[in-house]
């Protein structure tokens, strides 16, 4: 008897059942559970930073809530919530009597603030802080999701921690639009990575309605959609996501143009504020004057941060990231460096550019635990001290 005929005859195994698709709520719950350690570290770092700032603010006679929720740009958002788009500041003699218009500020953030003040018994200042803090948490979750998708949980956690320990991370707790834009951008990029094109386009639309540089999200979605079309893999969802993505940004520009009676009305408003895209000419002039004259400490820190950002962008490009992250970061960096005016605010404009931190996050994930902890501790000290300085000592626009 041969070996073949002597082997016991077994019935063939039934085919495996098809996988049961998870519901959206189940997927979100699982994602949140995986992100929980990173979000805990992020919340702890920002809480310690706020405590440091509040202690020093009390020491110098300033109120922490006012510093966080009603200073610089936050004053304009509160004014829009209370009075609509009707406010101007007195003309600046240095600008030949041109007033500052609140139409320079995009509508999504004040709309969310107004919604909260309508449904809850809170002030506009408190509403701004609530929107910013919730947005910062959602942004940290989205940043973790992108990092985990690309390189695993350790890199995702390191990416969130690094974002929360930036020198100017105190802005993430202020009533500013950067946390909101970062949240929408991170989840839109995640939707592109997971090929959820309609979600990507919808979130890009909202990002474009939150800040001028929110157009970077639409640029990323459109470029990736174009790559899909060239690869002959396009469906109606790809076309739909690409079509939706720039509508928030274009819609607000069209509205301001209508109110101003000119197609370039929004750009005229920005020009009145001294903000325009001049390919970095004004920034280079400012750097030259900065190096030969005395200036506030924050200007020198801004210069260092911009230099580090350029280095990180080179490292990111060398790592060949997904096209969506590369285009998004490239547009943000170009707008930040090429725009004129408000040099000390340029690090804030780069807060949503979290992919710049990917090379450092990958290095931290591979490093020994002791090295990672020491680096994190050093960054935390810098972030807490400099954030306190920005809000309580420096007298320049953030």
Protein backbone atom coordinates (compact mmCIF):
# COMPACT_ATOMS: atom_id res chain seq x y z
CA UNK A 1 0.00 0.00 0.00
CA UNK A 2 1.40 3.36 -0.98
CA UNK A 3 1.85 6.22 1.39
CA UNK A 4 -0.77 8.20 -0.45
CA UNK A 5 -3.47 5.57 -0.05
CA UNK A 6 -2.56 4.87 3.55
CA UNK A 7 -3.02 8.53 4.63
CA UNK A 8 -6.32 9.17 6.38
CA UNK A 9 -8.85 10.86 4.22
CA UNK A 10 -10.10 14.17 5.70
CA UNK A 11 -12.93 16.25 4.44
CA UNK A 12 -11.79 19.59 2.99
CA UNK A 13 -12.02 22.52 5.41
CA UNK A 14 -14.91 24.85 4.76
CA UNK A 15 -13.92 28.25 3.36
CA UNK A 16 -13.41 30.97 5.95
CA UNK A 17 -16.39 33.27 6.32
CA UNK A 18 -15.93 36.75 4.88
CA UNK A 19 -14.81 39.32 7.45
CA UNK A 20 -17.61 41.23 9.08
CA UNK A 21 -17.17 44.96 8.43
CA UNK A 22 -16.86 46.99 11.57
CA UNK A 23 -19.24 49.82 12.21
CA UNK A 24 -17.87 53.34 12.16
CA UNK A 25 -18.47 53.76 15.89
CA UNK A 26 -16.60 50.53 16.60
CA UNK A 27 -13.65 51.63 14.49
CA UNK A 28 -13.55 55.02 16.19
CA UNK A 29 -13.73 53.42 19.62
CA UNK A 30 -10.87 51.08 18.82
CA UNK A 31 -8.81 53.96 17.42
CA UNK A 32 -9.45 56.06 20.52
CA UNK A 33 -8.42 53.21 22.82
CA UNK A 34 -5.14 52.79 20.94
CA UNK A 35 -4.53 56.53 21.06
CA UNK A 36 -5.39 56.86 24.76
CA UNK A 37 -1.78 56.65 26.10
CA UNK A 38 -0.60 59.28 23.62
CA UNK A 39 -3.56 61.53 24.40
CA UNK A 40 -2.87 61.15 28.13
CA UNK A 41 0.74 62.25 27.66
CA UNK A 42 -0.39 65.14 25.50
CA UNK A 43 -2.98 66.31 28.03
CA UNK A 44 -0.47 66.07 30.88
CA UNK A 45 2.12 68.13 29.02
CA UNK A 46 -0.32 70.87 28.10
CA UNK A 47 -1.79 70.94 31.62
CA UNK A 48 1.65 71.41 33.17
CA UNK A 49 2.40 74.15 30.66
CA UNK A 50 -0.85 75.94 31.53
CA UNK A 51 -0.14 75.68 35.26
CA UNK A 52 3.32 77.20 34.77
CA UNK A 53 1.84 80.04 32.73
CA UNK A 54 -0.98 80.64 35.20
CA UNK A 55 1.36 80.77 38.19
CA UNK A 56 3.63 83.33 36.55
CA UNK A 57 0.66 85.32 35.20
CA UNK A 58 -0.71 85.60 38.72
CA UNK A 59 2.70 86.68 39.96
CA UNK A 60 2.88 89.56 37.45
CA UNK A 61 -0.76 90.57 37.94
CA UNK A 62 -2.32 89.16 34.75
CA UNK A 63 -5.35 86.89 34.44
CA UNK A 64 -4.68 83.54 32.68
CA UNK A 65 -8.16 83.37 31.15
CA UNK A 66 -7.72 86.78 29.56
CA UNK A 67 -4.30 85.88 28.20
CA UNK A 68 -5.62 82.65 26.67
CA UNK A 69 -9.05 83.73 25.49
CA UNK A 70 -9.02 87.48 24.90
CA UNK A 71 -5.72 88.66 23.50
CA UNK A 72 -4.49 89.53 20.01
CA UNK A 73 -6.50 87.60 17.38
CA UNK A 74 -8.88 86.24 20.00
CA UNK A 75 -10.27 89.76 20.50
CA UNK A 76 -11.33 89.82 16.86
CA UNK A 77 -13.05 86.44 17.05
CA UNK A 78 -15.00 87.51 20.12
CA UNK A 79 -16.02 90.67 18.30
CA UNK A 80 -17.27 88.67 15.30
CA UNK A 81 -19.32 86.44 17.61
CA UNK A 82 -20.89 89.42 19.33
CA UNK A 83 -21.42 91.79 16.40
CA UNK A 84 -20.89 89.88 13.16
CA UNK A 85 -18.49 90.96 10.43
CA UNK A 86 -18.74 94.69 11.00
CA UNK A 87 -15.76 95.62 13.14
CA UNK A 88 -12.71 97.67 12.20
CA UNK A 89 -9.84 99.12 14.16
CA UNK A 90 -8.94 102.81 13.84
CA UNK A 91 -6.72 103.56 10.84
CA UNK A 92 -3.00 103.10 11.27
CA UNK A 93 -1.10 106.29 10.35
CA UNK A 94 1.83 104.16 9.18
CA UNK A 95 -0.48 102.56 6.61
CA UNK A 96 -1.77 105.90 5.24
CA UNK A 97 -5.02 105.83 7.19
CA UNK A 98 -6.13 102.32 6.16
CA UNK A 99 -8.36 100.62 8.79
CA UNK A 100 -8.04 97.00 9.86
CA UNK A 101 -11.07 94.88 8.90
CA UNK A 102 -12.29 91.74 10.68
CA UNK A 103 -12.90 90.13 7.27
CA UNK A 104 -9.29 88.98 7.43
CA UNK A 105 -10.49 86.23 9.81
CA UNK A 106 -12.15 83.14 8.38
CA UNK A 107 -15.62 82.18 9.65
CA UNK A 108 -15.60 78.59 10.93
CA UNK A 109 -14.05 79.28 14.35
CA UNK A 110 -16.39 82.18 15.28
CA UNK A 111 -19.34 80.18 13.94
CA UNK A 112 -18.53 77.35 16.36
CA UNK A 113 -18.10 79.88 19.16
CA UNK A 114 -21.46 81.45 18.33
CA UNK A 115 -23.13 78.04 18.32
CA UNK A 116 -21.82 77.28 21.82
CA UNK A 117 -22.94 80.63 23.22
CA UNK A 118 -26.40 79.97 21.75
CA UNK A 119 -26.89 76.51 23.26
CA UNK A 120 -24.91 76.97 26.50
CA UNK A 121 -24.91 79.74 29.14
CA UNK A 122 -21.28 80.72 28.52
CA UNK A 123 -19.54 83.83 27.24
CA UNK A 124 -17.86 84.17 23.87
CA UNK A 125 -14.43 84.09 25.53
CA UNK A 126 -15.20 80.80 27.26
CA UNK A 127 -16.67 79.41 24.04
CA UNK A 128 -13.47 80.23 22.19
CA UNK A 129 -11.40 78.36 24.75
CA UNK A 130 -13.75 75.35 24.67
CA UNK A 131 -13.58 75.13 20.87
CA UNK A 132 -9.79 75.47 20.91
CA UNK A 133 -9.24 72.88 23.65
CA UNK A 134 -11.59 70.31 22.12
CA UNK A 135 -9.99 70.92 18.73
CA UNK A 136 -6.52 70.41 20.21
CA UNK A 137 -7.59 67.05 21.63
CA UNK A 138 -9.13 65.95 18.33
CA UNK A 139 -5.99 67.17 16.54
CA UNK A 140 -3.75 65.11 18.82
CA UNK A 141 -5.92 62.06 18.13
CA UNK A 142 -5.73 62.64 14.37
CA UNK A 143 -1.96 63.15 14.50
CA UNK A 144 -1.62 59.85 16.36
CA UNK A 145 -3.83 58.12 13.79
CA UNK A 146 -1.65 59.35 10.92
CA UNK A 147 1.58 58.37 12.69
CA UNK A 148 0.25 54.94 13.63
CA UNK A 149 -1.02 54.33 10.10
CA UNK A 150 2.39 55.09 8.59
CA UNK A 151 4.87 53.74 11.14
CA UNK A 152 3.12 52.10 14.08
CA UNK A 153 1.99 53.01 17.58
CA UNK A 154 5.35 54.12 18.98
CA UNK A 155 5.87 56.65 16.22
CA UNK A 156 2.26 57.83 16.57
CA UNK A 157 2.76 58.42 20.29
CA UNK A 158 6.08 60.20 19.78
CA UNK A 159 4.52 62.40 17.09
CA UNK A 160 1.74 63.54 19.42
CA UNK A 161 4.13 64.21 22.30
CA UNK A 162 6.45 66.23 20.08
CA UNK A 163 3.55 68.31 18.77
CA UNK A 164 2.48 69.05 22.33
CA UNK A 165 6.01 70.08 23.36
CA UNK A 166 6.79 72.56 20.60
CA UNK A 167 8.30 75.80 21.94
CA UNK A 168 5.14 77.70 21.01
CA UNK A 169 2.70 74.90 21.93
CA UNK A 170 0.96 77.28 24.36
CA UNK A 171 -0.99 78.49 21.29
CA UNK A 172 -2.77 75.11 21.27
CA UNK A 173 -4.55 76.23 24.46
CA UNK A 174 -5.43 79.72 23.22
CA UNK A 175 -8.65 80.79 21.50
CA UNK A 176 -6.88 80.65 18.13
CA UNK A 177 -7.68 78.75 14.96
CA UNK A 178 -4.52 76.63 14.69
CA UNK A 179 -5.87 73.74 16.82
CA UNK A 180 -9.05 73.64 14.72
CA UNK A 181 -7.14 73.64 11.43
CA UNK A 182 -4.76 70.94 12.69
CA UNK A 183 -7.66 68.71 13.73
CA UNK A 184 -9.40 69.02 10.35
CA UNK A 185 -6.13 68.62 8.44
CA UNK A 186 -4.96 65.55 10.36
CA UNK A 187 -8.21 63.69 9.85
CA UNK A 188 -8.49 64.76 6.21
CA UNK A 189 -4.99 63.43 5.56
CA UNK A 190 -5.88 60.23 7.41
CA UNK A 191 -8.96 59.90 5.19
CA UNK A 192 -6.74 60.23 2.10
CA UNK A 193 -4.37 57.57 3.45
CA UNK A 194 -7.32 55.23 4.02
CA UNK A 195 -8.93 56.19 0.67
CA UNK A 196 -12.06 57.76 2.15
CA UNK A 197 -12.23 60.47 -0.47
CA UNK A 198 -15.56 62.08 0.37
CA UNK A 199 -14.55 62.44 4.01
CA UNK A 200 -11.20 63.84 2.94
CA UNK A 201 -12.86 66.44 0.74
CA UNK A 202 -15.46 67.40 3.34
CA UNK A 203 -12.84 67.91 6.06
CA UNK A 204 -10.67 69.85 3.60
CA UNK A 205 -13.66 72.08 2.87
CA UNK A 206 -14.01 72.84 6.59
CA UNK A 207 -10.26 73.38 6.94
CA UNK A 208 -10.41 75.94 4.14
CA UNK A 209 -13.13 77.79 6.05
CA UNK A 210 -11.04 77.95 9.22
CA UNK A 211 -7.82 79.70 8.18
CA UNK A 212 -6.20 81.22 5.06
CA UNK A 213 -3.52 78.51 5.00
CA UNK A 214 -6.24 75.87 5.21
CA UNK A 215 -5.97 75.75 1.41
CA UNK A 216 -2.99 73.45 2.04
CA UNK A 217 -5.41 70.62 2.90
CA UNK A 218 -7.35 71.10 -0.33
CA UNK A 219 -4.08 71.13 -2.28
CA UNK A 220 -3.11 67.78 -0.77
CA UNK A 221 -6.49 66.21 -1.51
CA UNK A 222 -6.57 67.51 -5.10
CA UNK A 223 -3.01 66.38 -5.87
CA UNK A 224 -3.68 62.89 -4.53
CA UNK A 225 -6.96 62.73 -6.45
CA UNK A 226 -5.08 63.73 -9.62
CA UNK A 227 -2.61 60.90 -8.98
CA UNK A 228 -5.55 58.50 -8.68
CA UNK A 229 -7.01 59.74 -11.97
CA UNK A 230 -3.67 59.39 -13.76
CA UNK A 231 -3.43 55.86 -12.39
CA UNK A 232 -6.87 55.13 -13.86
CA UNK A 233 -8.23 54.13 -10.47
CA UNK A 234 -10.60 57.04 -10.04
CA UNK A 235 -14.20 56.57 -8.95
CA UNK A 236 -16.90 59.16 -8.36
CA UNK A 237 -15.73 59.39 -4.75
CA UNK A 238 -12.30 60.60 -5.86
CA UNK A 239 -13.83 63.25 -8.11
CA UNK A 240 -16.30 64.24 -5.40
CA UNK A 241 -13.64 64.61 -2.70
CA UNK A 242 -11.46 66.72 -4.97
CA UNK A 243 -14.40 68.94 -5.95
CA UNK A 244 -15.46 69.49 -2.35
CA UNK A 245 -12.02 70.23 -0.92
CA UNK A 246 -11.47 73.88 -2.00
CA UNK A 247 -15.06 75.08 -1.59
CA UNK A 248 -14.67 76.38 1.98
CA UNK A 249 -11.69 78.55 1.09
CA UNK A 250 -13.08 79.73 -2.24
CA UNK A 251 -16.51 80.33 -0.74
CA UNK A 252 -15.22 82.72 1.90
CA UNK A 253 -13.08 84.60 -0.62
CA UNK A 254 -16.15 84.96 -2.86
CA UNK A 255 -18.24 86.26 0.05
CA UNK A 256 -15.65 88.87 1.02
CA UNK A 257 -15.33 89.88 -2.62
CA UNK A 258 -19.10 90.33 -2.77
CA UNK A 259 -19.11 92.43 0.40
CA UNK A 260 -16.20 94.50 -0.88
CA UNK A 261 -17.58 94.81 -4.39
CA UNK A 262 -14.44 93.40 -5.97
CA UNK A 263 -13.27 89.93 -6.99
CA UNK A 264 -10.02 90.48 -5.08
CA UNK A 265 -11.72 91.88 -1.99
CA UNK A 266 -10.16 89.41 0.43
CA UNK A 267 -6.65 90.03 -0.85
CA UNK A 268 -7.27 93.77 -0.48
CA UNK A 269 -8.23 93.15 3.16
CA UNK A 270 -5.04 91.20 3.74
CA UNK A 271 -3.02 93.92 2.05
CA UNK A 272 -4.51 96.45 4.47
CA UNK A 273 -3.20 94.29 7.30
CA UNK A 274 0.23 94.29 5.69
CA UNK A 275 -0.05 90.59 4.85
CA UNK A 276 0.64 89.41 1.31
CA UNK A 277 2.58 86.71 -0.50
CA UNK A 278 5.85 88.23 -1.72
CA UNK A 279 7.95 85.05 -2.02
CA UNK A 280 9.74 85.82 1.25
CA UNK A 281 11.21 89.21 0.29
CA UNK A 282 9.81 90.95 3.37
CA UNK A 283 10.91 88.07 5.63
CA UNK A 284 14.46 88.24 4.32
CA UNK A 285 14.58 91.99 4.89
CA UNK A 286 13.33 91.50 8.43
CA UNK A 287 15.95 88.83 9.13
CA UNK A 288 18.68 91.15 7.83
CA UNK A 289 17.55 93.95 10.14
CA UNK A 290 17.15 91.48 12.98
CA UNK A 291 20.77 90.40 12.74
CA UNK A 292 22.14 93.95 12.87
CA UNK A 293 19.84 95.56 15.44
CA UNK A 294 18.34 94.90 18.83
CA UNK A 295 14.99 93.12 18.87
CA UNK A 296 12.73 91.14 21.18
CA UNK A 297 13.88 87.67 22.15
CA UNK A 298 10.81 86.10 20.49
CA UNK A 299 11.98 87.28 17.06
CA UNK A 300 15.25 85.37 17.40
CA UNK A 301 13.40 82.27 18.58
CA UNK A 302 11.08 82.57 15.57
CA UNK A 303 14.12 82.72 13.30
CA UNK A 304 15.57 79.56 14.86
CA UNK A 305 12.23 77.73 14.59
CA UNK A 306 11.94 78.61 10.90
CA UNK A 307 15.46 77.34 10.27
CA UNK A 308 14.71 74.08 12.06
CA UNK A 309 11.47 73.77 10.09
CA UNK A 310 13.39 73.99 6.81
CA UNK A 311 15.80 71.30 8.00
CA UNK A 312 12.94 69.05 9.08
CA UNK A 313 11.21 69.54 5.74
CA UNK A 314 14.38 68.39 3.96
CA UNK A 315 14.52 65.30 6.18
CA UNK A 316 10.83 64.61 5.64
CA UNK A 317 11.26 64.84 1.87
CA UNK A 318 14.25 62.49 1.99
CA UNK A 319 12.10 59.89 3.81
CA UNK A 320 9.65 59.87 0.87
CA UNK A 321 6.41 60.37 2.79
CA UNK A 322 3.00 59.83 1.19
CA UNK A 323 2.14 62.46 -1.41
CA UNK A 324 -0.67 63.89 0.71
CA UNK A 325 1.62 64.71 3.64
CA UNK A 326 4.34 66.09 1.36
CA UNK A 327 2.03 68.46 -0.55
CA UNK A 328 0.25 69.61 2.60
CA UNK A 329 3.49 70.40 4.40
CA UNK A 330 5.07 72.02 1.35
CA UNK A 331 2.16 74.44 0.92
CA UNK A 332 2.14 75.35 4.63
CA UNK A 333 5.87 76.00 4.67
CA UNK A 334 5.70 78.01 1.43
CA UNK A 335 2.85 80.20 2.72
CA UNK A 336 4.62 80.76 6.04
CA UNK A 337 8.00 81.65 4.58
CA UNK A 338 6.67 83.50 1.55
CA UNK A 339 4.19 85.68 3.40
CA UNK A 340 5.03 89.19 4.54
CA UNK A 341 4.46 90.76 7.94
CA UNK A 342 4.09 89.41 11.48
CA UNK A 343 7.43 87.63 11.61
CA UNK A 344 7.00 86.56 15.24
CA UNK A 345 3.75 84.80 14.31
CA UNK A 346 5.33 82.56 11.68
CA UNK A 347 6.05 79.70 14.13
CA UNK A 348 2.33 79.73 14.99
CA UNK A 349 1.47 79.45 11.30
CA UNK A 350 3.54 76.25 11.21
CA UNK A 351 1.73 74.60 14.14
CA UNK A 352 -0.56 72.64 11.78
CA UNK A 353 2.52 71.33 9.89
CA UNK A 354 2.83 68.29 12.17
CA UNK A 355 4.34 66.05 9.43
CA UNK A 356 7.56 68.04 9.89
CA UNK A 357 7.95 66.18 13.19
CA UNK A 358 7.81 62.72 11.62
CA UNK A 359 11.62 62.31 11.20
CA UNK A 360 12.17 63.19 14.87
CA UNK A 361 9.30 60.95 15.99
CA UNK A 362 10.77 58.00 14.09
CA UNK A 363 14.17 58.63 15.65
CA UNK A 364 12.62 58.80 19.14
CA UNK A 365 10.72 55.56 18.56
CA UNK A 366 13.99 53.79 17.68
CA UNK A 367 16.01 55.38 20.49
CA UNK A 368 16.60 53.87 23.91
CA UNK A 369 13.87 54.72 26.43
CA UNK A 370 16.29 56.75 28.53
CA UNK A 371 17.32 58.85 25.54
CA UNK A 372 13.71 59.46 24.54
CA UNK A 373 12.78 60.49 28.09
CA UNK A 374 15.72 62.89 28.35
CA UNK A 375 14.84 64.48 25.02
CA UNK A 376 11.20 64.77 26.00
CA UNK A 377 12.14 66.34 29.32
CA UNK A 378 14.37 68.92 27.65
CA UNK A 379 11.67 69.81 25.13
CA UNK A 380 9.10 70.06 27.93
CA UNK A 381 11.23 72.51 29.89
CA UNK A 382 11.76 74.66 26.82
CA UNK A 383 8.07 74.56 25.89
CA UNK A 384 6.82 75.48 29.38
CA UNK A 385 9.28 78.32 29.90
CA UNK A 386 8.95 79.81 26.43
CA UNK A 387 5.16 79.50 26.42
CA UNK A 388 5.00 81.37 29.71
CA UNK A 389 7.32 84.03 28.29
CA UNK A 390 5.20 84.48 25.16
CA UNK A 391 1.98 85.11 27.05
CA UNK A 392 3.17 86.98 30.13
CA UNK A 393 6.36 88.82 29.17
CA UNK A 394 6.69 89.30 25.41
CA UNK A 395 4.81 92.29 24.07
CA UNK A 396 4.53 91.23 20.46
CA UNK A 397 1.68 89.65 18.49
CA UNK A 398 1.67 85.88 18.83
